[in-house]
Amino acid sequence: MQGVPPKMKHIIHVHQQKVKKGEPAIIDRTYKGSTHLTRIKIDGPCEIIHSQTPDHCGARVWIETEGPVTHIADDWAAA
């Protein structure tokens, strides 16, 4: 897979319905869009946020980072 350039804000969370369906459920959101994955690596500082107010997708817990994020796998065979 590919690495994403540093200094881009990433919001990473788990999509619970995708977990129940057995589909790739880790979502990496940036201003460029969302990517569904089975495995990622965060290469740098990050912050885990638990909010009483969900973000626009409904997540209440997510990871934010501006460090590089490597997309390792987007399917089960590569994970």
C-alpha atoms as a PDB file:
ATOM      1  CA  MET A   1       0.000   0.000   0.000  1.00  0.00           C
ATOM      2  CA  GLN A   2       1.078   3.600   0.117  1.00  0.00           C
ATOM      3  CA  GLY A   3       2.175   6.096   2.721  1.00  0.00           C
ATOM      4  CA  VAL A   4       0.255   9.345   3.019  1.00  0.00           C
ATOM      5  CA  PRO A   5       2.337  12.561   3.101  1.00  0.00           C
ATOM      6  CA  PRO A   6       3.021  14.041   6.566  1.00  0.00           C
ATOM      7  CA  LYS A   7       1.314  17.174   7.941  1.00  0.00           C
ATOM      8  CA  MET A   8      -2.109  16.126   6.727  1.00  0.00           C
ATOM      9  CA  LYS A   9      -4.692  15.780   9.510  1.00  0.00           C
ATOM     10  CA  HIS A  10      -5.958  12.200   9.808  1.00  0.00           C
ATOM     11  CA  ILE A  11      -9.002  11.151  11.801  1.00  0.00           C
ATOM     12  CA  ILE A  12      -9.005   7.393  12.330  1.00  0.00           C
ATOM     13  CA  HIS A  13     -11.884   5.438  13.790  1.00  0.00           C
ATOM     14  CA  VAL A  14     -13.559   2.020  13.672  1.00  0.00           C
ATOM     15  CA  HIS A  15     -16.878   1.588  11.873  1.00  0.00           C
ATOM     16  CA  GLN A  16     -18.858  -0.773  14.136  1.00  0.00           C
ATOM     17  CA  GLN A  17     -21.322  -1.937  11.474  1.00  0.00           C
ATOM     18  CA  LYS A  18     -18.420  -2.927   9.173  1.00  0.00           C
ATOM     19  CA  VAL A  19     -16.923  -4.986  12.019  1.00  0.00           C
ATOM     20  CA  LYS A  20     -20.212  -6.876  12.407  1.00  0.00           C
ATOM     21  CA  LYS A  21     -20.364  -7.507   8.634  1.00  0.00           C
ATOM     22  CA  GLY A  22     -16.758  -8.745   8.507  1.00  0.00           C
ATOM     23  CA  GLU A  23     -15.658  -5.913   6.205  1.00  0.00           C
ATOM     24  CA  PRO A  24     -12.587  -3.634   6.517  1.00  0.00           C
ATOM     25  CA  ALA A  25     -13.617  -1.354   9.386  1.00  0.00           C
ATOM     26  CA  ILE A  26     -10.700   0.989  10.103  1.00  0.00           C
ATOM     27  CA  ILE A  27     -11.434   4.341   8.479  1.00  0.00           C
ATOM     28  CA  ASP A  28      -8.735   6.928   7.780  1.00  0.00           C
ATOM     29  CA  ARG A  29     -10.381  10.286   6.970  1.00  0.00           C
ATOM     30  CA  THR A  30      -8.525  13.272   5.544  1.00  0.00           C
ATOM     31  CA  TYR A  31      -9.637  16.287   3.542  1.00  0.00           C
ATOM     32  CA  LYS A  32      -9.099  14.092   0.465  1.00  0.00           C
ATOM     33  CA  GLY A  33     -11.714  11.514   1.522  1.00  0.00           C
ATOM     34  CA  SER A  34     -12.072   8.286   3.488  1.00  0.00           C
ATOM     35  CA  THR A  35     -10.251   4.977   3.097  1.00  0.00           C
ATOM     36  CA  HIS A  36     -11.472   1.681   4.597  1.00  0.00           C
ATOM     37  CA  LEU A  37      -8.629  -0.522   5.817  1.00  0.00           C
ATOM     38  CA  THR A  38      -7.831  -3.627   7.849  1.00  0.00           C
ATOM     39  CA  ARG A  39      -4.438  -2.387   9.065  1.00  0.00           C
ATOM     40  CA  ILE A  40      -2.604   0.947   9.380  1.00  0.00           C
ATOM     41  CA  LYS A  41       0.532   2.291  11.036  1.00  0.00           C
ATOM     42  CA  ILE A  42       0.726   5.729  12.638  1.00  0.00           C
ATOM     43  CA  ASP A  43       4.317   6.980  12.382  1.00  0.00           C
ATOM     44  CA  GLY A  44       4.368   9.786  14.903  1.00  0.00           C
ATOM     45  CA  PRO A  45       2.478  11.447  17.718  1.00  0.00           C
ATOM     46  CA  CYS A  46      -1.259  10.986  17.891  1.00  0.00           C
ATOM     47  CA  GLU A  47      -4.125  11.847  20.214  1.00  0.00           C
ATOM     48  CA  ILE A  48      -7.014   9.553  21.194  1.00  0.00           C
ATOM     49  CA  ILE A  49     -10.231  11.493  21.736  1.00  0.00           C
ATOM     50  CA  HIS A  50     -13.388  10.314  23.536  1.00  0.00           C
ATOM     51  CA  SER A  51     -16.135  12.890  23.131  1.00  0.00           C
ATOM     52  CA  GLN A  52     -19.647  13.088  24.566  1.00  0.00           C
ATOM     53  CA  THR A  53     -20.632  14.739  21.298  1.00  0.00           C
ATOM     54  CA  PRO A  54     -20.139  12.451  18.279  1.00  0.00           C
ATOM     55  CA  ASP A  55     -18.407  13.771  15.187  1.00  0.00           C
ATOM     56  CA  HIS A  56     -20.371  14.040  11.930  1.00  0.00           C
ATOM     57  CA  CYS A  57     -20.061  10.293  11.176  1.00  0.00           C
ATOM     58  CA  GLY A  58     -21.293   9.305  14.643  1.00  0.00           C
ATOM     59  CA  ALA A  59     -17.953   8.252  16.142  1.00  0.00           C
ATOM     60  CA  ARG A  60     -17.459   9.063  19.821  1.00  0.00           C
ATOM     61  CA  VAL A  61     -13.871   7.766  20.037  1.00  0.00           C
ATOM     62  CA  TRP A  62     -11.231   8.432  17.392  1.00  0.00           C
ATOM     63  CA  ILE A  63      -7.517   9.013  16.843  1.00  0.00           C
ATOM     64  CA  GLU A  64      -6.193  12.284  15.418  1.00  0.00           C
ATOM     65  CA  THR A  65      -2.708  12.745  13.996  1.00  0.00           C
ATOM     66  CA  GLU A  66      -0.849  15.015  11.623  1.00  0.00           C
ATOM     67  CA  GLY A  67       2.038  12.556  11.393  1.00  0.00           C
ATOM     68  CA  PRO A  68       2.475  10.156   8.509  1.00  0.00           C
ATOM     69  CA  VAL A  69      -0.009   7.282   8.319  1.00  0.00           C
ATOM     70  CA  THR A  70       0.907   4.167   6.337  1.00  0.00           C
ATOM     71  CA  HIS A  71      -1.943   2.180   4.803  1.00  0.00           C
ATOM     72  CA  ILE A  72      -0.722  -1.398   5.243  1.00  0.00           C
ATOM     73  CA  ALA A  73      -3.772  -3.404   4.135  1.00  0.00           C
ATOM     74  CA  ASP A  74      -7.220  -2.781   2.722  1.00  0.00           C
ATOM     75  CA  ASP A  75      -8.339  -6.417   2.540  1.00  0.00           C
ATOM     76  CA  TRP A  76      -8.078  -9.563   4.644  1.00  0.00           C
ATOM     77  CA  ALA A  77      -5.503 -11.297   2.414  1.00  0.00           C
ATOM     78  CA  ALA A  78      -2.927  -8.549   2.945  1.00  0.00           C
ATOM     79  CA  ALA A  79      -3.657  -8.075   6.651  1.00  0.00           C
END
